[in-house]
């Protein structure tokens, strides 16, 4: 129990103090870890950990094929989690169902960490913590430091002429079209590459119309398909491409409307952050 208390305090310290360095003299004995999403489970595995349980979406991860299923990412099963007798459960800080599970686990004295990755810096911070727990500083170097160096190289190539270009990012599903603000991780990538989001973080704008897009007239439009891709694309076509305003947009006339791959821009890229930056750079400046 003492080890678990020390480990919990360390996790809190590392997550709330920006830039806090990983030390070499602290370790943890988390042997039964459950992750409540594919992305979070992937991070734990990248840091050298092993998993006892994961939600259904994470079964395709390398190293998780024989791991017990503990429900879905939106509806994790508390009983299934407890059957594994976990000493650490990794939950998403962005889902209300996870907050409920976390509260139950906290009451039972089971260590939890709520993970929210909305930028590469966030990814870096949690990976520092996980690598400290697993004692694998080498994997932190491989899966964070080397990736950051690659990202910095890509950013250094951004031409000054490209700075100031505007963009609009939209997440499209069969039922809803949502603008993406700067707190969405993919927008952080576009911003790092010299672009300016036409939607600000303090905007109350959520769903949008073709008329609104025409008024903003962004230089580039990024589209992230959510859920069933065919249905989402049909929704996008009906909502925007069929509008009389669409063909007049700068992004459309210049051929700069890009449908983005999910692995880079809907799901958190984790070890593929540099690939996501490179993909976006190529679209913006090499396309």
Protein backbone atom coordinates (compact mmCIF):
# COMPACT_ATOMS: atom_id res chain seq x y z
CA UNK A 1 0.00 0.00 0.00
CA UNK A 2 2.88 2.39 0.82
CA UNK A 3 4.33 1.85 -2.66
CA UNK A 4 0.99 2.65 -4.19
CA UNK A 5 0.64 5.85 -2.19
CA UNK A 6 4.15 6.96 -3.18
CA UNK A 7 3.48 6.14 -6.82
CA UNK A 8 0.22 8.10 -6.79
CA UNK A 9 1.90 11.15 -5.30
CA UNK A 10 4.62 10.93 -7.92
CA UNK A 11 2.05 10.72 -10.72
CA UNK A 12 0.26 13.81 -9.46
CA UNK A 13 3.51 15.74 -9.13
CA UNK A 14 4.67 14.87 -12.62
CA UNK A 15 1.34 15.72 -14.21
CA UNK A 16 0.71 19.09 -12.59
CA UNK A 17 4.21 20.57 -12.71
CA UNK A 18 5.03 21.63 -16.29
CA UNK A 19 8.41 20.40 -17.45
CA UNK A 20 9.06 18.33 -14.34
CA UNK A 21 11.95 15.99 -15.13
CA UNK A 22 11.91 12.24 -14.66
CA UNK A 23 14.29 11.16 -11.93
CA UNK A 24 16.35 7.96 -11.90
CA UNK A 25 15.79 6.90 -8.29
CA UNK A 26 12.04 6.35 -8.14
CA UNK A 27 10.26 3.26 -9.41
CA UNK A 28 6.87 1.59 -9.17
CA UNK A 29 5.62 -1.96 -9.07
CA UNK A 30 2.43 -1.64 -11.10
CA UNK A 31 1.95 -5.20 -12.29
CA UNK A 32 -1.79 -5.23 -13.03
CA UNK A 33 -2.67 -2.26 -15.22
CA UNK A 34 -5.96 -1.65 -17.02
CA UNK A 35 -6.41 0.98 -19.75
CA UNK A 36 -9.84 2.26 -20.72
CA UNK A 37 -9.01 3.28 -24.29
CA UNK A 38 -6.84 2.16 -27.18
CA UNK A 39 -4.83 5.37 -27.22
CA UNK A 40 -4.05 5.32 -23.51
CA UNK A 41 -3.24 1.62 -23.57
CA UNK A 42 -0.90 2.23 -26.49
CA UNK A 43 0.97 4.88 -24.51
CA UNK A 44 1.43 2.51 -21.58
CA UNK A 45 2.77 -0.21 -23.89
CA UNK A 46 5.09 2.28 -25.63
CA UNK A 47 6.52 3.11 -22.20
CA UNK A 48 7.36 -0.55 -21.63
CA UNK A 49 4.37 -1.53 -19.53
CA UNK A 50 2.10 -4.55 -19.84
CA UNK A 51 -1.69 -4.64 -19.68
CA UNK A 52 -4.07 -6.88 -17.79
CA UNK A 53 -7.20 -5.34 -19.33
CA UNK A 54 -8.28 -2.93 -22.04
CA UNK A 55 -11.48 -1.77 -23.74
CA UNK A 56 -12.59 -3.41 -26.98
CA UNK A 57 -11.09 -0.72 -29.22
CA UNK A 58 -7.58 -1.59 -28.00
CA UNK A 59 -7.49 -5.31 -28.76
CA UNK A 60 -5.73 -4.71 -32.08
CA UNK A 61 -2.73 -3.17 -30.32
CA UNK A 62 0.48 -5.15 -30.49
CA UNK A 63 0.86 -6.79 -27.11
CA UNK A 64 -2.84 -6.60 -26.26
CA UNK A 65 -4.36 -9.44 -28.30
CA UNK A 66 -4.65 -11.75 -25.27
CA UNK A 67 -5.59 -9.02 -22.80
CA UNK A 68 -8.95 -9.20 -20.99
CA UNK A 69 -11.75 -6.99 -22.34
CA UNK A 70 -13.30 -4.56 -19.84
CA UNK A 71 -16.16 -3.13 -21.90
CA UNK A 72 -16.11 -0.43 -24.54
CA UNK A 73 -14.35 2.91 -24.48
CA UNK A 74 -17.63 4.74 -23.90
CA UNK A 75 -19.02 2.17 -21.47
CA UNK A 76 -16.25 0.49 -19.46
CA UNK A 77 -17.41 -2.33 -17.17
CA UNK A 78 -16.51 -1.79 -13.51
CA UNK A 79 -17.06 -5.42 -12.55
CA UNK A 80 -14.79 -6.63 -15.34
CA UNK A 81 -12.13 -4.17 -14.23
CA UNK A 82 -12.31 -5.26 -10.59
CA UNK A 83 -12.09 -8.95 -11.53
CA UNK A 84 -8.55 -8.26 -12.76
CA UNK A 85 -7.54 -6.88 -9.34
CA UNK A 86 -5.77 -3.87 -10.88
CA UNK A 87 -3.22 -1.79 -9.04
CA UNK A 88 -3.48 1.01 -11.63
CA UNK A 89 -6.31 2.00 -13.99
CA UNK A 90 -5.68 4.54 -16.77
CA UNK A 91 -8.82 6.45 -17.74
CA UNK A 92 -9.69 9.27 -20.12
CA UNK A 93 -10.18 12.69 -18.57
CA UNK A 94 -12.51 13.58 -21.45
CA UNK A 95 -15.33 11.05 -20.96
CA UNK A 96 -18.01 11.34 -18.28
CA UNK A 97 -18.35 7.56 -18.04
CA UNK A 98 -14.65 7.36 -17.19
CA UNK A 99 -15.04 10.00 -14.49
CA UNK A 100 -17.69 7.82 -12.86
CA UNK A 101 -15.47 4.75 -13.02
CA UNK A 102 -12.55 6.73 -11.63
CA UNK A 103 -14.61 7.90 -8.66
CA UNK A 104 -15.61 4.31 -7.86
CA UNK A 105 -12.02 3.09 -8.11
CA UNK A 106 -10.71 5.96 -6.01
CA UNK A 107 -13.23 5.06 -3.29
CA UNK A 108 -11.91 1.50 -3.36
CA UNK A 109 -8.33 2.68 -2.96
CA UNK A 110 -7.24 1.64 -6.45
CA UNK A 111 -4.78 4.00 -8.12
CA UNK A 112 -6.02 5.83 -11.21
CA UNK A 113 -4.62 8.38 -13.63
CA UNK A 114 -6.94 10.48 -15.81
CA UNK A 115 -5.24 11.12 -19.15
CA UNK A 116 -5.99 14.02 -21.51
CA UNK A 117 -3.73 14.38 -24.53
CA UNK A 118 -4.49 17.48 -26.59
CA UNK A 119 -0.97 18.27 -27.79
CA UNK A 120 2.43 16.68 -28.19
CA UNK A 121 3.47 18.34 -24.94
CA UNK A 122 0.63 16.51 -23.17
CA UNK A 123 1.80 13.24 -24.70
CA UNK A 124 5.33 14.02 -23.53
CA UNK A 125 4.16 14.70 -19.96
CA UNK A 126 2.22 11.45 -19.55
CA UNK A 127 4.92 9.40 -21.23
CA UNK A 128 7.44 10.78 -18.73
CA UNK A 129 5.24 9.53 -15.92
CA UNK A 130 4.64 6.14 -17.50
CA UNK A 131 8.33 5.62 -18.31
CA UNK A 132 9.19 6.48 -14.72
CA UNK A 133 6.74 3.85 -13.49
CA UNK A 134 8.14 1.19 -15.83
CA UNK A 135 11.78 2.20 -15.41
CA UNK A 136 12.23 2.45 -19.19
CA UNK A 137 13.93 5.77 -19.80
CA UNK A 138 15.22 4.32 -23.07
CA UNK A 139 11.67 4.01 -24.40
CA UNK A 140 10.94 7.60 -23.41
CA UNK A 141 13.95 8.64 -25.51
CA UNK A 142 12.75 6.50 -28.43
CA UNK A 143 9.06 7.36 -28.35
CA UNK A 144 9.20 10.98 -27.20
CA UNK A 145 12.59 12.69 -27.44
CA UNK A 146 13.47 11.40 -30.91
CA UNK A 147 9.96 12.21 -32.13
CA UNK A 148 10.19 15.75 -30.75
CA UNK A 149 13.47 16.23 -32.63
CA UNK A 150 11.79 15.10 -35.85
CA UNK A 151 8.86 17.46 -35.26
CA UNK A 152 11.23 20.37 -34.65
CA UNK A 153 12.97 19.61 -37.94
CA UNK A 154 9.67 19.63 -39.82
CA UNK A 155 8.59 22.92 -38.23
CA UNK A 156 11.93 24.49 -39.14
CA UNK A 157 11.09 23.90 -42.82
CA UNK A 158 7.94 26.03 -42.74
CA UNK A 159 8.44 28.83 -45.28
CA UNK A 160 7.82 32.36 -44.10
CA UNK A 161 5.48 32.81 -47.05
CA UNK A 162 3.22 30.15 -45.57
CA UNK A 163 2.75 31.89 -42.26
CA UNK A 164 -0.56 33.64 -42.04
CA UNK A 165 -2.52 31.20 -44.19
CA UNK A 166 -5.90 30.52 -42.63
CA UNK A 167 -7.66 27.21 -42.16
CA UNK A 168 -10.91 25.70 -40.99
CA UNK A 169 -10.98 22.20 -39.48
CA UNK A 170 -14.29 20.35 -39.34
CA UNK A 171 -15.14 17.02 -37.72
CA UNK A 172 -17.95 15.47 -39.71
CA UNK A 173 -20.22 12.58 -38.74
CA UNK A 174 -23.46 11.26 -40.17
CA UNK A 175 -25.43 13.50 -37.82
CA UNK A 176 -23.26 16.49 -36.90
CA UNK A 177 -20.64 18.85 -38.32
CA UNK A 178 -18.45 20.35 -35.61
CA UNK A 179 -15.78 23.01 -35.92
CA UNK A 180 -12.46 22.18 -34.29
CA UNK A 181 -10.86 24.85 -32.12
CA UNK A 182 -7.26 25.26 -31.08
CA UNK A 183 -7.64 22.95 -28.09
CA UNK A 184 -8.09 20.02 -30.51
CA UNK A 185 -4.75 18.28 -30.95
CA UNK A 186 -4.75 18.36 -34.76
CA UNK A 187 -5.26 22.13 -34.73
CA UNK A 188 -2.10 22.37 -32.64
CA UNK A 189 -0.26 20.65 -35.48
CA UNK A 190 -1.65 23.04 -38.09
CA UNK A 191 -0.83 26.04 -35.91
CA UNK A 192 2.75 24.83 -35.40
CA UNK A 193 3.06 24.66 -39.17
CA UNK A 194 2.33 28.37 -39.55
CA UNK A 195 -1.44 28.36 -40.11
CA UNK A 196 -4.13 30.42 -38.35
CA UNK A 197 -7.45 28.89 -37.32
CA UNK A 198 -10.43 31.01 -38.41
CA UNK A 199 -12.29 29.70 -35.33
CA UNK A 200 -10.93 30.97 -32.01
CA UNK A 201 -11.02 29.04 -28.74
CA UNK A 202 -13.34 31.57 -27.13
CA UNK A 203 -15.86 31.35 -29.98
CA UNK A 204 -19.27 29.94 -29.11
CA UNK A 205 -19.52 28.57 -32.63
CA UNK A 206 -20.12 24.82 -32.76
CA UNK A 207 -22.04 23.64 -35.79
CA UNK A 208 -21.52 25.63 -38.98
CA UNK A 209 -23.14 26.31 -42.33
CA UNK A 210 -21.77 26.77 -45.82
CA UNK A 211 -22.76 30.44 -45.56
CA UNK A 212 -20.57 30.89 -42.47
CA UNK A 213 -17.63 29.21 -44.20
CA UNK A 214 -18.11 31.52 -47.18
CA UNK A 215 -17.86 34.52 -44.86
CA UNK A 216 -14.65 33.23 -43.27
CA UNK A 217 -13.25 32.05 -46.63
CA UNK A 218 -10.31 30.04 -45.23
CA UNK A 219 -7.30 29.28 -47.43
CA UNK A 220 -7.43 25.62 -46.41
CA UNK A 221 -10.21 23.32 -45.18
CA UNK A 222 -9.37 20.17 -43.23
CA UNK A 223 -12.04 17.48 -42.81
CA UNK A 224 -11.89 14.77 -40.13
CA UNK A 225 -14.44 11.99 -40.67
CA UNK A 226 -15.97 10.57 -37.49
CA UNK A 227 -17.78 7.23 -37.22
CA UNK A 228 -18.81 5.47 -40.44
CA UNK A 229 -16.74 7.20 -43.12
CA UNK A 230 -19.18 6.70 -46.02
CA UNK A 231 -22.07 8.14 -44.00
CA UNK A 232 -19.92 11.00 -42.74
CA UNK A 233 -18.77 11.84 -46.26
CA UNK A 234 -22.38 11.83 -47.49
CA UNK A 235 -23.28 14.24 -44.68
CA UNK A 236 -20.37 16.50 -45.64
CA UNK A 237 -21.41 16.51 -49.29
CA UNK A 238 -25.03 17.35 -48.49
CA UNK A 239 -24.15 20.06 -45.96
CA UNK A 240 -21.39 21.82 -47.85
CA UNK A 241 -20.42 20.60 -51.30
CA UNK A 242 -24.00 20.90 -52.58
CA UNK A 243 -24.17 24.55 -51.49
CA UNK A 244 -24.04 27.35 -54.02
CA UNK A 245 -21.34 28.99 -51.86
CA UNK A 246 -18.96 26.03 -51.99
CA UNK A 247 -17.40 26.53 -55.40
CA UNK A 248 -16.61 30.15 -54.61
CA UNK A 249 -14.42 29.37 -51.60
CA UNK A 250 -10.69 30.05 -51.89
CA UNK A 251 -9.86 26.61 -50.46
CA UNK A 252 -12.10 24.91 -53.03
CA UNK A 253 -10.96 26.91 -56.08
CA UNK A 254 -7.32 26.29 -55.17
CA UNK A 255 -7.84 22.59 -54.47
CA UNK A 256 -7.06 22.82 -50.77
CA UNK A 257 -9.85 20.84 -49.17
CA UNK A 258 -8.25 17.82 -47.49
CA UNK A 259 -9.95 14.79 -45.93
CA UNK A 260 -7.53 13.65 -43.24
CA UNK A 261 -6.62 10.09 -42.18
CA UNK A 262 -8.07 9.01 -38.83
CA UNK A 263 -4.86 7.45 -37.54
CA UNK A 264 -3.17 10.85 -37.49
CA UNK A 265 -5.95 13.37 -36.93
CA UNK A 266 -8.90 11.71 -35.20
CA UNK A 267 -7.09 9.25 -32.96
CA UNK A 268 -4.14 10.53 -30.93
CA UNK A 269 -0.99 9.71 -32.96
CA UNK A 270 1.23 8.66 -30.00
CA UNK A 271 4.38 7.21 -31.62
CA UNK A 272 3.21 8.65 -34.96
CA UNK A 273 3.20 12.34 -33.96
CA UNK A 274 6.08 13.14 -36.33
CA UNK A 275 4.31 11.28 -39.14
CA UNK A 276 1.20 13.41 -38.53
CA UNK A 277 3.28 16.61 -38.70
CA UNK A 278 4.98 15.41 -41.89
CA UNK A 279 1.66 14.46 -43.48
CA UNK A 280 0.18 17.89 -42.72
CA UNK A 281 3.34 19.69 -43.89
CA UNK A 282 3.25 17.83 -47.19
CA UNK A 283 -0.41 18.71 -47.74
CA UNK A 284 0.13 22.38 -46.94
CA UNK A 285 3.47 23.08 -48.61
CA UNK A 286 4.23 20.24 -50.99
CA UNK A 287 0.77 19.41 -52.32
